[in-house]
N, C-alpha and C. Protein backbone atom coordinates (compact mmCIF):
# COMPACT_ATOMS: atom_id res chain seq x y z
N MET A 1 25.44 31.53 -33.66
CA MET A 1 25.90 31.10 -32.44
C MET A 1 27.45 30.38 -32.34
N SER A 2 28.07 30.15 -33.26
CA SER A 2 29.29 29.73 -33.79
C SER A 2 30.23 30.23 -32.98
N GLU A 3 31.08 29.33 -32.48
CA GLU A 3 32.79 30.74 -32.02
C GLU A 3 33.67 30.54 -32.94
N HIS A 4 33.33 29.91 -34.42
CA HIS A 4 34.30 30.05 -35.56
C HIS A 4 33.31 31.45 -36.22
N ARG A 5 34.26 31.95 -37.30
CA ARG A 5 33.34 32.83 -37.72
C ARG A 5 32.68 32.53 -38.88
N ALA A 6 31.48 33.00 -39.02
CA ALA A 6 30.54 32.74 -40.03
C ALA A 6 30.52 33.63 -41.33
N ILE A 7 30.50 32.92 -42.28
CA ILE A 7 30.05 33.23 -43.73
C ILE A 7 28.81 33.78 -44.05
N ASP A 8 28.42 35.00 -44.05
CA ASP A 8 27.14 35.69 -44.83
C ASP A 8 26.51 34.71 -46.08
N ARG A 9 25.35 34.63 -46.55
CA ARG A 9 24.58 34.26 -47.31
C ARG A 9 25.46 34.89 -48.83
N ARG A 10 24.84 36.40 -48.91
CA ARG A 10 25.54 36.90 -50.12
C ARG A 10 27.57 36.49 -50.24
N THR A 11 28.27 36.48 -49.47
CA THR A 11 29.57 35.53 -49.96
C THR A 11 29.43 34.14 -50.68
N LEU A 12 28.34 33.24 -49.67
CA LEU A 12 28.38 31.62 -50.03
C LEU A 12 27.67 32.05 -51.19
N VAL A 13 26.97 32.42 -51.62
CA VAL A 13 26.37 32.19 -52.96
C VAL A 13 26.96 32.99 -53.82
N LEU A 14 28.05 33.92 -54.22
CA LEU A 14 28.68 34.29 -54.81
C LEU A 14 30.03 33.42 -54.39
N SER A 15 30.31 32.51 -54.07
CA SER A 15 31.53 31.52 -54.07
C SER A 15 30.99 30.53 -54.60
N VAL A 16 29.85 29.84 -54.55
CA VAL A 16 28.78 28.77 -55.11
C VAL A 16 28.94 29.03 -56.50
N GLY A 17 28.23 30.38 -56.70
CA GLY A 17 28.11 30.79 -58.31
C GLY A 17 29.34 30.63 -58.82
N ALA A 18 30.61 31.33 -58.45
CA ALA A 18 31.44 31.08 -59.33
C ALA A 18 32.57 29.82 -59.48
N LEU A 19 32.32 28.98 -58.71
CA LEU A 19 32.93 27.97 -58.51
C LEU A 19 32.08 26.34 -58.99
N GLY A 20 30.96 26.96 -58.74
CA GLY A 20 29.97 25.55 -59.18
C GLY A 20 30.10 24.19 -58.40
N THR A 21 30.38 23.36 -59.49
CA THR A 21 31.08 21.84 -58.44
C THR A 21 31.86 22.09 -58.79
N THR A 22 32.98 22.49 -59.47
CA THR A 22 34.17 22.28 -59.89
C THR A 22 34.67 21.18 -58.92
N ALA A 23 35.20 20.71 -59.96
CA ALA A 23 36.44 19.27 -58.86
C ALA A 23 37.37 19.33 -58.91
N LEU A 24 38.17 19.54 -57.65
CA LEU A 24 39.56 19.82 -57.22
C LEU A 24 40.17 18.48 -57.68
N LEU A 25 41.03 19.30 -58.54
CA LEU A 25 42.12 18.17 -59.49
C LEU A 25 43.53 18.25 -58.20
N PRO A 26 44.06 17.33 -58.35
CA PRO A 26 45.76 17.01 -57.97
C PRO A 26 46.66 17.82 -58.58
N LYS A 27 47.48 18.45 -58.33
CA LYS A 27 48.85 18.81 -58.76
C LYS A 27 49.65 17.89 -59.24
N PRO A 28 49.94 17.81 -60.25
CA PRO A 28 51.09 16.94 -60.72
C PRO A 28 52.45 16.69 -60.36
N GLY A 29 52.92 15.83 -59.56
CA GLY A 29 53.99 15.77 -58.58
C GLY A 29 53.63 16.08 -57.53
N MET A 30 52.87 16.07 -56.90
CA MET A 30 52.35 16.50 -55.90
C MET A 30 52.29 15.59 -54.92
N ALA A 31 53.48 15.71 -53.61
CA ALA A 31 53.96 14.39 -52.56
C ALA A 31 52.55 14.38 -51.77
N ALA A 32 52.05 13.17 -51.54
CA ALA A 32 51.08 12.97 -50.36
C ALA A 32 51.48 12.03 -49.94
N SER A 33 50.34 11.82 -48.91
CA SER A 33 50.54 10.81 -47.08
C SER A 33 48.87 10.67 -47.16
N LEU A 34 48.52 11.37 -46.76
CA LEU A 34 47.00 10.86 -46.45
C LEU A 34 46.08 10.47 -47.29
N VAL A 35 45.19 9.72 -47.31
CA VAL A 35 44.09 9.45 -48.05
C VAL A 35 42.96 10.34 -47.95
N PRO A 36 43.18 10.56 -49.43
CA PRO A 36 41.85 11.63 -49.85
C PRO A 36 40.92 11.05 -49.87
N THR A 37 39.87 12.04 -49.26
CA THR A 37 38.60 11.64 -48.54
C THR A 37 37.71 11.51 -49.87
N PRO A 38 36.86 10.23 -50.59
CA PRO A 38 36.27 10.21 -51.36
C PRO A 38 35.34 10.65 -52.10
N GLY A 39 35.11 11.24 -52.77
CA GLY A 39 33.57 12.03 -53.69
C GLY A 39 32.32 11.50 -53.43
N GLN A 40 30.98 12.08 -53.39
CA GLN A 40 30.01 11.21 -53.18
C GLN A 40 29.19 12.46 -54.02
N THR A 41 27.86 11.91 -54.19
CA THR A 41 26.84 12.99 -55.28
C THR A 41 26.61 13.12 -53.88
N GLU A 42 25.84 14.84 -54.63
CA GLU A 42 25.60 15.78 -53.55
C GLU A 42 24.21 15.06 -53.60
N GLY A 43 23.29 14.74 -54.30
CA GLY A 43 22.07 14.35 -54.06
C GLY A 43 21.48 14.80 -54.45
N PRO A 44 19.79 14.76 -54.52
CA PRO A 44 18.60 15.59 -54.71
C PRO A 44 18.52 16.77 -54.02
N PHE A 45 18.45 16.35 -52.99
CA PHE A 45 18.15 17.91 -51.34
C PHE A 45 18.77 18.53 -51.42
N TYR A 46 19.70 18.82 -52.11
CA TYR A 46 20.61 20.34 -51.91
C TYR A 46 19.95 21.42 -51.31
N PRO A 47 20.07 22.38 -50.76
CA PRO A 47 19.02 23.09 -50.64
C PRO A 47 18.82 24.35 -51.81
N VAL A 48 17.33 24.43 -52.49
CA VAL A 48 16.88 25.50 -53.32
C VAL A 48 17.31 26.88 -53.38
N SER A 49 17.07 27.26 -51.30
CA SER A 49 17.29 28.39 -50.88
C SER A 49 17.75 28.00 -49.71
N PHE A 50 18.64 29.41 -49.08
CA PHE A 50 19.72 29.17 -48.08
C PHE A 50 18.42 29.83 -46.54
N PRO A 51 18.20 28.60 -46.02
CA PRO A 51 17.34 29.52 -44.92
C PRO A 51 18.27 30.58 -44.02
N ASP A 52 16.83 31.22 -43.30
CA ASP A 52 17.21 32.86 -42.52
C ASP A 52 18.91 32.44 -41.46
N ASP A 53 18.24 31.82 -40.83
CA ASP A 53 19.22 31.06 -40.34
C ASP A 53 20.37 29.76 -40.43
N ALA A 54 21.82 29.91 -41.24
CA ALA A 54 22.45 29.38 -41.70
C ALA A 54 23.51 29.43 -41.07
N ASP A 55 23.33 29.02 -39.33
CA ASP A 55 24.93 28.91 -38.95
C ASP A 55 25.82 27.63 -38.66
N ASN A 56 26.32 27.31 -37.79
CA ASN A 56 26.19 25.84 -37.65
C ASN A 56 26.24 25.78 -36.43
N ASP A 57 24.76 25.65 -36.22
CA ASP A 57 24.49 24.72 -35.10
C ASP A 57 22.65 25.03 -35.65
N LEU A 58 22.27 23.60 -36.02
CA LEU A 58 21.41 23.44 -36.54
C LEU A 58 20.36 23.05 -36.01
N VAL A 59 20.76 22.45 -34.42
CA VAL A 59 19.66 22.35 -33.40
C VAL A 59 18.62 23.58 -32.95
N GLN A 60 19.28 24.31 -32.90
CA GLN A 60 18.60 25.27 -32.62
C GLN A 60 18.15 26.71 -34.08
N VAL A 61 16.93 26.49 -34.19
CA VAL A 61 16.78 27.30 -35.17
C VAL A 61 16.01 29.01 -34.58
N GLN A 62 16.79 30.05 -35.05
CA GLN A 62 16.53 31.28 -34.38
C GLN A 62 14.95 31.59 -34.63
N GLY A 63 14.89 31.90 -33.94
CA GLY A 63 12.80 31.88 -33.21
C GLY A 63 12.25 30.83 -33.04
N ALA A 64 12.57 29.78 -33.06
CA ALA A 64 11.89 28.44 -32.64
C ALA A 64 12.10 28.15 -31.61
N ALA A 65 10.51 28.24 -31.17
CA ALA A 65 10.54 27.63 -29.51
C ALA A 65 11.16 26.03 -29.31
N ALA A 66 11.20 25.26 -29.81
CA ALA A 66 11.71 24.28 -29.42
C ALA A 66 12.96 23.87 -30.26
N ARG A 67 13.61 23.43 -29.78
CA ARG A 67 15.11 22.95 -30.53
C ARG A 67 14.78 21.58 -31.35
N ALA A 68 15.75 21.51 -31.86
CA ALA A 68 15.30 19.78 -33.29
C ALA A 68 15.20 18.74 -32.32
N LEU A 69 14.31 17.60 -33.12
CA LEU A 69 14.10 16.38 -32.58
C LEU A 69 15.28 15.20 -32.48
N GLY A 70 15.49 14.85 -31.76
CA GLY A 70 16.62 13.77 -32.01
C GLY A 70 17.82 13.70 -31.28
N THR A 71 18.76 13.19 -31.49
CA THR A 71 20.07 12.59 -30.59
C THR A 71 20.75 13.89 -31.03
N VAL A 72 21.21 15.05 -30.24
CA VAL A 72 22.32 15.95 -30.47
C VAL A 72 24.04 15.20 -30.99
N ALA A 73 24.25 15.48 -31.70
CA ALA A 73 26.00 15.47 -32.35
C ALA A 73 26.76 16.56 -32.52
N HIS A 74 27.64 16.69 -32.03
CA HIS A 74 28.77 17.84 -32.30
C HIS A 74 29.34 17.04 -33.34
N ILE A 75 29.83 17.56 -34.09
CA ILE A 75 30.63 16.76 -35.47
C ILE A 75 32.06 18.11 -35.52
N GLU A 76 33.05 17.65 -35.80
CA GLU A 76 34.10 18.58 -35.51
C GLU A 76 35.24 17.80 -36.56
N GLY A 77 36.54 18.64 -37.12
CA GLY A 77 36.76 17.75 -37.98
C GLY A 77 38.21 19.30 -38.72
N ARG A 78 38.87 19.00 -39.47
CA ARG A 78 39.59 19.59 -39.87
C ARG A 78 39.70 19.30 -41.29
N VAL A 79 40.26 20.38 -42.30
CA VAL A 79 39.65 20.56 -43.79
C VAL A 79 41.55 20.73 -43.89
N LEU A 80 42.26 19.65 -44.46
CA LEU A 80 43.49 19.17 -44.64
C LEU A 80 44.25 19.09 -46.20
N ASP A 81 44.97 19.28 -46.54
CA ASP A 81 45.79 19.04 -48.13
C ASP A 81 46.40 16.90 -47.48
N ARG A 82 46.66 16.80 -48.67
CA ARG A 82 47.06 15.06 -48.24
C ARG A 82 48.71 14.97 -47.60
N GLY A 83 49.39 16.41 -47.09
CA GLY A 83 50.49 16.66 -46.33
C GLY A 83 49.93 16.92 -45.19
N GLY A 84 48.85 17.29 -45.14
CA GLY A 84 48.07 17.19 -43.42
C GLY A 84 48.31 18.36 -43.10
N ARG A 85 48.19 19.55 -43.80
CA ARG A 85 48.34 21.04 -43.83
C ARG A 85 46.87 21.70 -44.12
N PRO A 86 46.44 22.52 -43.04
CA PRO A 86 44.79 22.78 -42.98
C PRO A 86 44.89 24.31 -44.59
N ILE A 87 44.09 24.06 -44.73
CA ILE A 87 43.62 24.55 -46.01
C ILE A 87 42.70 25.44 -45.53
N PRO A 88 43.67 27.20 -45.75
CA PRO A 88 42.93 28.05 -44.78
C PRO A 88 41.50 28.98 -46.36
N GLY A 89 40.81 29.38 -45.55
CA GLY A 89 39.39 29.93 -46.14
C GLY A 89 38.57 29.29 -46.69
N ALA A 90 38.74 27.61 -46.34
CA ALA A 90 37.85 26.97 -46.52
C ALA A 90 36.21 26.94 -45.86
N VAL A 91 35.27 26.88 -46.94
CA VAL A 91 34.03 27.01 -46.22
C VAL A 91 33.36 25.36 -45.90
N VAL A 92 32.75 25.24 -45.00
CA VAL A 92 32.27 23.90 -45.32
C VAL A 92 30.86 24.26 -44.99
N GLU A 93 29.80 23.07 -45.37
CA GLU A 93 28.50 23.42 -45.18
C GLU A 93 27.78 21.72 -44.83
N ILE A 94 26.83 21.43 -44.24
CA ILE A 94 26.61 20.19 -44.61
C ILE A 94 24.68 20.31 -44.52
N TRP A 95 24.74 19.26 -44.68
CA TRP A 95 22.66 19.30 -45.35
C TRP A 95 22.45 17.78 -44.66
N GLN A 96 21.35 17.67 -44.31
CA GLN A 96 20.38 16.27 -43.94
C GLN A 96 19.18 16.48 -43.97
N CYS A 97 18.63 15.28 -43.42
CA CYS A 97 17.54 14.98 -42.97
C CYS A 97 17.30 15.16 -41.66
N ASP A 98 15.96 15.63 -41.00
CA ASP A 98 15.46 15.66 -39.73
C ASP A 98 15.40 14.11 -38.89
N ALA A 99 14.83 14.12 -37.77
CA ALA A 99 15.10 13.30 -37.48
C ALA A 99 13.88 12.39 -37.69
N GLN A 100 13.19 12.82 -38.57
CA GLN A 100 11.72 11.74 -38.92
C GLN A 100 12.22 11.51 -40.56
N GLY A 101 13.09 11.61 -40.83
CA GLY A 101 13.83 11.25 -42.08
C GLY A 101 13.39 11.65 -43.51
N ARG A 102 12.84 13.21 -43.19
CA ARG A 102 12.38 14.22 -44.20
C ARG A 102 13.26 15.49 -44.08
N TYR A 103 13.36 16.00 -45.49
CA TYR A 103 14.65 17.28 -45.83
C TYR A 103 13.54 17.76 -46.35
N ARG A 104 14.33 19.06 -45.57
CA ARG A 104 13.82 20.53 -45.84
C ARG A 104 14.12 20.65 -47.62
N HIS A 105 13.39 20.41 -48.67
CA HIS A 105 13.61 20.85 -50.03
C HIS A 105 11.93 20.49 -50.38
N PRO A 106 11.84 21.06 -51.09
CA PRO A 106 10.55 21.41 -52.07
C PRO A 106 9.88 20.00 -52.82
N ARG A 107 11.28 19.27 -53.00
CA ARG A 107 10.62 17.96 -54.07
C ARG A 107 10.84 16.64 -52.92
N ALA A 108 11.27 17.01 -52.02
CA ALA A 108 11.62 15.78 -51.16
C ALA A 108 9.66 15.31 -50.08
N PRO A 109 9.62 14.02 -49.90
CA PRO A 109 8.90 13.04 -49.35
C PRO A 109 8.60 14.42 -48.26
N GLY A 110 7.15 14.41 -47.59
CA GLY A 110 6.78 14.56 -46.76
C GLY A 110 7.78 16.13 -46.34
N HIS A 111 8.32 17.01 -46.94
CA HIS A 111 8.70 18.11 -46.93
C HIS A 111 7.57 19.33 -45.93
N ASP A 112 6.73 19.14 -46.43
CA ASP A 112 5.63 19.96 -45.37
C ASP A 112 6.07 20.11 -43.76
N ARG A 113 5.72 18.52 -43.25
CA ARG A 113 6.55 18.06 -42.31
C ARG A 113 7.61 18.26 -41.30
N PHE A 114 8.50 18.79 -42.70
CA PHE A 114 9.77 19.27 -42.53
C PHE A 114 9.62 19.22 -40.54
N ASP A 115 10.93 19.12 -39.85
CA ASP A 115 11.20 19.63 -38.41
C ASP A 115 11.01 21.16 -38.03
N GLY A 116 10.22 21.84 -37.93
CA GLY A 116 10.36 23.58 -37.75
C GLY A 116 11.76 24.07 -36.86
N GLY A 117 12.22 22.67 -36.21
CA GLY A 117 13.17 23.10 -34.98
C GLY A 117 14.39 22.47 -35.42
N PHE A 118 14.83 22.29 -36.64
CA PHE A 118 15.77 21.79 -37.38
C PHE A 118 16.09 22.51 -38.40
N GLN A 119 17.50 23.24 -38.28
CA GLN A 119 18.03 24.05 -39.18
C GLN A 119 18.03 23.06 -40.79
N GLY A 120 18.18 21.68 -40.85
CA GLY A 120 18.20 21.34 -41.99
C GLY A 120 19.82 21.65 -43.48
N TYR A 121 20.26 22.86 -42.23
CA TYR A 121 21.55 23.14 -43.40
C TYR A 121 22.24 23.75 -42.52
N GLY A 122 23.42 23.75 -42.67
CA GLY A 122 24.37 24.82 -41.92
C GLY A 122 25.94 24.83 -42.50
N ARG A 123 26.07 25.83 -42.56
CA ARG A 123 27.96 26.49 -43.12
C ARG A 123 28.55 27.18 -42.02
N THR A 124 30.23 27.03 -42.04
CA THR A 124 31.06 27.73 -41.42
C THR A 124 32.45 28.17 -42.05
N ALA A 125 33.08 28.58 -41.67
CA ALA A 125 34.06 28.74 -42.07
C ALA A 125 35.39 27.83 -41.37
N VAL A 126 36.48 27.20 -41.61
CA VAL A 126 37.46 26.90 -40.77
C VAL A 126 38.31 27.89 -40.25
N ASP A 127 38.90 27.70 -39.25
CA ASP A 127 39.43 28.59 -38.35
C ASP A 127 41.18 28.25 -38.87
N ALA A 128 41.99 29.05 -38.46
CA ALA A 128 43.33 29.10 -38.73
C ALA A 128 43.93 28.07 -38.67
N GLY A 129 43.52 26.87 -37.91
CA GLY A 129 43.88 25.58 -37.58
C GLY A 129 43.15 25.03 -38.73
N GLY A 130 42.60 25.05 -39.60
CA GLY A 130 41.60 24.44 -40.51
C GLY A 130 40.73 23.29 -40.22
N VAL A 131 40.13 24.13 -38.91
CA VAL A 131 39.20 23.01 -37.83
C VAL A 131 37.64 23.34 -38.40
N TYR A 132 37.11 22.71 -38.31
CA TYR A 132 35.19 23.13 -38.14
C TYR A 132 34.73 22.75 -37.70
N ARG A 133 33.56 23.03 -36.78
CA ARG A 133 32.71 22.31 -35.82
C ARG A 133 31.08 22.74 -36.36
N PHE A 134 30.25 21.54 -35.87
CA PHE A 134 28.74 21.60 -36.25
C PHE A 134 28.23 21.19 -35.02
N ARG A 135 26.92 21.66 -34.15
CA ARG A 135 25.90 20.74 -33.42
C ARG A 135 24.87 20.54 -34.33
N THR A 136 24.36 19.69 -34.38
CA THR A 136 23.72 18.82 -35.54
C THR A 136 23.12 17.70 -34.62
N ILE A 137 22.27 16.82 -35.04
CA ILE A 137 21.96 15.69 -34.85
C ILE A 137 22.19 14.57 -35.50
N LYS A 138 21.96 13.29 -34.52
CA LYS A 138 23.27 11.87 -35.21
C LYS A 138 21.77 11.93 -36.45
N PRO A 139 22.31 11.69 -37.34
CA PRO A 139 21.56 10.92 -38.80
C PRO A 139 20.86 10.14 -38.43
N VAL A 140 19.78 9.98 -39.58
CA VAL A 140 18.92 9.00 -39.46
C VAL A 140 18.71 8.22 -40.40
N PRO A 141 18.61 7.56 -40.88
CA PRO A 141 17.83 6.59 -42.03
C PRO A 141 16.46 6.53 -42.77
N TYR A 142 16.59 6.60 -43.88
CA TYR A 142 15.05 6.92 -44.66
C TYR A 142 15.28 5.90 -45.26
N PRO A 143 14.12 5.29 -46.35
CA PRO A 143 14.02 4.21 -47.19
C PRO A 143 15.09 4.10 -48.64
N GLY A 144 16.24 3.27 -48.68
CA GLY A 144 16.84 3.53 -49.44
C GLY A 144 18.06 3.84 -48.59
N ARG A 145 18.58 4.59 -48.02
CA ARG A 145 19.53 4.95 -47.43
C ARG A 145 20.14 4.90 -45.97
N THR A 146 21.13 4.14 -45.52
CA THR A 146 21.79 4.24 -44.40
C THR A 146 21.61 6.04 -43.84
N PRO A 147 22.14 6.10 -42.44
CA PRO A 147 22.01 7.43 -42.07
C PRO A 147 23.69 8.17 -42.86
N HIS A 148 23.66 9.54 -42.91
CA HIS A 148 24.67 10.11 -43.57
C HIS A 148 24.05 11.48 -43.47
N ILE A 149 25.44 12.33 -43.49
CA ILE A 149 25.22 14.04 -43.34
C ILE A 149 26.05 14.31 -44.73
N HIS A 150 25.56 15.03 -45.48
CA HIS A 150 26.05 15.64 -46.60
C HIS A 150 27.10 16.78 -46.94
N TYR A 151 28.14 17.00 -46.96
CA TYR A 151 29.19 18.03 -46.78
C TYR A 151 29.70 18.37 -47.88
N GLY A 152 29.78 19.70 -48.22
CA GLY A 152 30.17 20.54 -49.14
C GLY A 152 31.30 21.10 -48.68
N VAL A 153 32.76 21.73 -49.18
CA VAL A 153 33.82 22.19 -48.94
C VAL A 153 34.19 23.09 -50.12
N ILE A 154 34.08 24.58 -49.74
CA ILE A 154 34.10 25.56 -50.76
C ILE A 154 35.78 26.07 -50.57
N VAL A 155 36.69 25.63 -51.13
CA VAL A 155 38.06 26.29 -51.07
C VAL A 155 38.17 27.27 -52.87
N PRO A 156 38.14 28.94 -51.83
CA PRO A 156 38.25 29.74 -52.81
C PRO A 156 39.66 29.62 -53.49
N GLY A 157 39.20 29.75 -55.22
CA GLY A 157 39.99 29.56 -56.43
C GLY A 157 40.64 28.07 -56.65
N ALA A 158 40.05 26.65 -55.66
CA ALA A 158 40.16 26.01 -56.34
C ALA A 158 38.64 24.68 -56.48
N GLY A 159 37.79 25.62 -55.99
CA GLY A 159 36.42 24.86 -56.23
C GLY A 159 35.28 24.42 -55.26
N ARG A 160 34.58 23.17 -55.70
CA ARG A 160 33.87 23.02 -54.58
C ARG A 160 33.71 21.27 -54.75
N PHE A 161 34.17 20.25 -53.39
CA PHE A 161 34.24 18.98 -53.44
C PHE A 161 33.13 18.76 -52.45
N VAL A 162 32.44 17.78 -52.78
CA VAL A 162 31.28 17.02 -52.00
C VAL A 162 31.52 15.65 -51.40
N THR A 163 30.79 15.27 -50.25
CA THR A 163 30.93 13.84 -49.98
C THR A 163 29.93 13.67 -48.86
N GLN A 164 29.92 12.29 -48.69
CA GLN A 164 29.01 11.98 -47.10
C GLN A 164 29.56 11.34 -46.49
N MET A 165 29.16 11.67 -45.00
CA MET A 165 29.73 11.20 -43.97
C MET A 165 28.81 10.10 -43.48
N TYR A 166 29.13 9.37 -43.06
CA TYR A 166 28.43 7.71 -42.55
C TYR A 166 28.94 7.42 -40.94
N VAL A 167 27.91 6.73 -40.29
CA VAL A 167 28.35 6.34 -39.03
C VAL A 167 28.69 4.92 -38.85
N GLU A 168 29.56 4.91 -37.62
CA GLU A 168 29.81 3.15 -37.62
C GLU A 168 28.96 2.22 -37.08
N GLY A 169 29.01 1.22 -37.31
CA GLY A 169 28.05 0.60 -36.66
C GLY A 169 26.80 0.28 -37.17
N GLU A 170 26.31 1.09 -38.33
CA GLU A 170 25.02 0.80 -38.74
C GLU A 170 24.53 -0.06 -39.25
N PRO A 171 23.71 -0.76 -39.12
CA PRO A 171 23.20 -2.00 -40.10
C PRO A 171 23.36 -1.59 -41.48
N ARG A 172 22.57 -0.59 -41.74
CA ARG A 172 22.12 -0.22 -43.26
C ARG A 172 23.54 -0.03 -43.93
N ASN A 173 24.74 0.04 -43.70
CA ASN A 173 26.29 1.25 -43.94
C ASN A 173 26.15 -0.76 -45.32
N GLU A 174 26.13 -1.90 -45.09
CA GLU A 174 26.60 -2.89 -45.65
C GLU A 174 25.50 -2.79 -47.26
N ARG A 175 24.13 -2.45 -46.69
CA ARG A 175 23.38 -2.30 -47.78
C ARG A 175 23.43 -1.25 -48.89
N ASP A 176 24.06 -0.23 -48.56
CA ASP A 176 23.46 1.26 -48.73
C ASP A 176 24.38 1.23 -50.22
N GLY A 177 24.27 1.49 -51.28
CA GLY A 177 24.79 1.88 -52.28
C GLY A 177 25.92 2.38 -52.90
N LEU A 178 25.39 3.97 -52.47
CA LEU A 178 26.59 4.79 -52.22
C LEU A 178 27.46 4.61 -51.39
N LEU A 179 27.66 4.22 -50.03
CA LEU A 179 29.27 3.77 -49.55
C LEU A 179 29.92 2.63 -50.56
N ALA A 180 28.95 1.79 -50.48
CA ALA A 180 29.73 0.76 -51.47
C ALA A 180 30.27 0.99 -52.74
N SER A 181 30.11 2.24 -53.20
CA SER A 181 30.24 2.33 -54.56
C SER A 181 31.99 3.02 -54.00
N ILE A 182 32.18 3.42 -53.21
CA ILE A 182 33.65 3.46 -52.54
C ILE A 182 34.54 2.12 -52.83
N ARG A 183 35.16 2.29 -53.87
CA ARG A 183 35.93 0.46 -53.82
C ARG A 183 37.16 0.21 -53.17
N ASP A 184 37.88 1.43 -52.70
CA ASP A 184 39.06 1.47 -52.14
C ASP A 184 38.67 1.10 -50.46
N PRO A 185 39.03 0.19 -50.06
CA PRO A 185 38.68 0.24 -48.25
C PRO A 185 38.90 0.94 -47.57
N GLN A 186 40.21 1.17 -47.35
CA GLN A 186 40.64 2.35 -46.74
C GLN A 186 39.87 3.77 -46.88
N ALA A 187 39.66 4.03 -48.32
CA ALA A 187 38.82 5.46 -48.45
C ALA A 187 37.66 5.50 -47.95
N ARG A 188 37.15 4.26 -47.83
CA ARG A 188 35.76 4.06 -47.45
C ARG A 188 35.93 4.00 -45.84
N ARG A 189 36.43 3.18 -45.47
CA ARG A 189 36.88 3.58 -43.90
C ARG A 189 36.69 5.02 -43.57
N SER A 190 37.50 5.77 -44.43
CA SER A 190 37.56 7.18 -43.63
C SER A 190 36.63 8.30 -43.64
N VAL A 191 34.96 7.87 -44.70
CA VAL A 191 34.13 8.61 -44.16
C VAL A 191 33.39 7.79 -43.20
N ILE A 192 33.52 6.48 -42.85
CA ILE A 192 32.77 6.29 -41.58
C ILE A 192 33.29 6.34 -40.17
N ILE A 193 32.36 7.28 -39.69
CA ILE A 193 32.70 7.72 -38.46
C ILE A 193 31.90 7.55 -37.22
N PRO A 194 32.84 7.04 -35.92
CA PRO A 194 32.28 6.92 -34.65
C PRO A 194 31.19 8.18 -34.07
N LEU A 195 30.38 7.68 -33.07
CA LEU A 195 29.32 8.91 -33.06
C LEU A 195 29.40 7.98 -31.35
N ARG A 196 30.08 9.11 -30.54
CA ARG A 196 29.70 8.13 -29.24
C ARG A 196 29.39 9.53 -28.13
N ALA A 197 29.23 8.86 -26.63
CA ALA A 197 28.85 9.82 -26.38
C ALA A 197 29.94 10.67 -25.59
N MET A 198 29.71 12.29 -25.39
CA MET A 198 30.32 13.32 -24.88
C MET A 198 30.95 12.63 -23.45
N GLY A 199 30.45 12.34 -22.66
CA GLY A 199 30.49 11.82 -21.58
C GLY A 199 30.86 13.12 -20.40
N ASP A 200 31.20 14.59 -21.44
CA ASP A 200 31.35 15.66 -20.71
C ASP A 200 30.75 16.63 -21.94
N GLY A 201 30.10 17.91 -21.02
CA GLY A 201 29.24 18.62 -22.01
C GLY A 201 27.83 18.62 -21.88
N GLU A 202 27.18 18.47 -23.34
CA GLU A 202 26.21 18.79 -23.45
C GLU A 202 25.40 17.51 -23.53
N PRO A 203 24.36 17.21 -21.96
CA PRO A 203 24.17 15.59 -21.77
C PRO A 203 23.18 15.23 -22.70
N GLY A 204 23.37 13.38 -22.67
CA GLY A 204 22.70 12.97 -23.96
C GLY A 204 23.21 13.36 -25.39
N ALA A 205 24.19 14.19 -25.41
CA ALA A 205 25.02 13.97 -26.92
C ALA A 205 26.06 13.08 -27.27
N VAL A 206 25.90 13.24 -29.05
CA VAL A 206 27.29 12.63 -29.41
C VAL A 206 28.36 13.33 -29.90
N ARG A 207 29.34 13.12 -29.94
CA ARG A 207 30.42 13.60 -31.01
C ARG A 207 30.92 12.80 -31.82
N GLY A 208 31.43 13.21 -32.79
CA GLY A 208 32.59 12.65 -33.71
C GLY A 208 33.34 13.72 -34.42
N THR A 209 34.37 12.99 -35.12
CA THR A 209 35.68 13.71 -35.96
C THR A 209 35.77 13.52 -37.25
N PHE A 210 35.11 14.08 -38.14
CA PHE A 210 35.72 13.84 -39.48
C PHE A 210 36.34 14.77 -39.97
N ASP A 211 37.78 13.92 -40.40
CA ASP A 211 38.46 14.90 -41.26
C ASP A 211 38.07 14.66 -42.51
N ILE A 212 38.45 16.11 -43.57
CA ILE A 212 38.52 15.60 -45.08
C ILE A 212 39.48 16.24 -45.78
N VAL A 213 39.91 15.35 -46.35
CA VAL A 213 41.34 15.65 -46.71
C VAL A 213 41.70 15.76 -48.45
N LEU A 214 41.51 16.95 -48.85
CA LEU A 214 41.19 17.37 -50.46
C LEU A 214 43.06 17.17 -50.50
N GLU A 215 42.48 16.99 -52.20
CA GLU A 215 43.61 17.21 -53.48
C GLU A 215 43.50 18.19 -54.24
N LEU A 216 44.73 19.16 -53.56
CA LEU A 216 45.11 20.62 -54.32
C LEU A 216 46.37 20.64 -55.06
């Protein structure tokens, strides 16, 4: 359902297998202007297997009669280097809990009651301008965590970068240990994204922009 090119499961598995969770390291003497996106933990619920439907629309699962519960969120952004240049060939993946706070993972509490209309995981390749887009749900809290969406960015030949996106205005942000672990205020602000009513397009949905800046 993506307007951008999808990457098939075999390609992603080969990419992740070859790159693992290799950190993206800066090159010595590199000119920099943008603030790098801070890395965050992958967490315990990264998928142990990819769903058959793993495109960038997490709200409508192929073959499911109903769409996902929760507020639809259109999240887009660019994958850039510190000079503001798009990074070609990057693959962006996201994973998050459903509207009831449950992950699609065998060790997650309540996983047997995971919303069957929600994909839980999605991926897409950036376009020529470094742009990615996802249609998902507005993240919700669960015990111990403020609302967030996990991100992984795979850059062929460079590695895999992991971070998390948070929602502006959430009162739990102030008490979230992982968010607070980002000590630099500017870097912390860069992962806290406003989600606002679209005004046009899909009724009742919200929209946000999350740019990811990598040190290559």
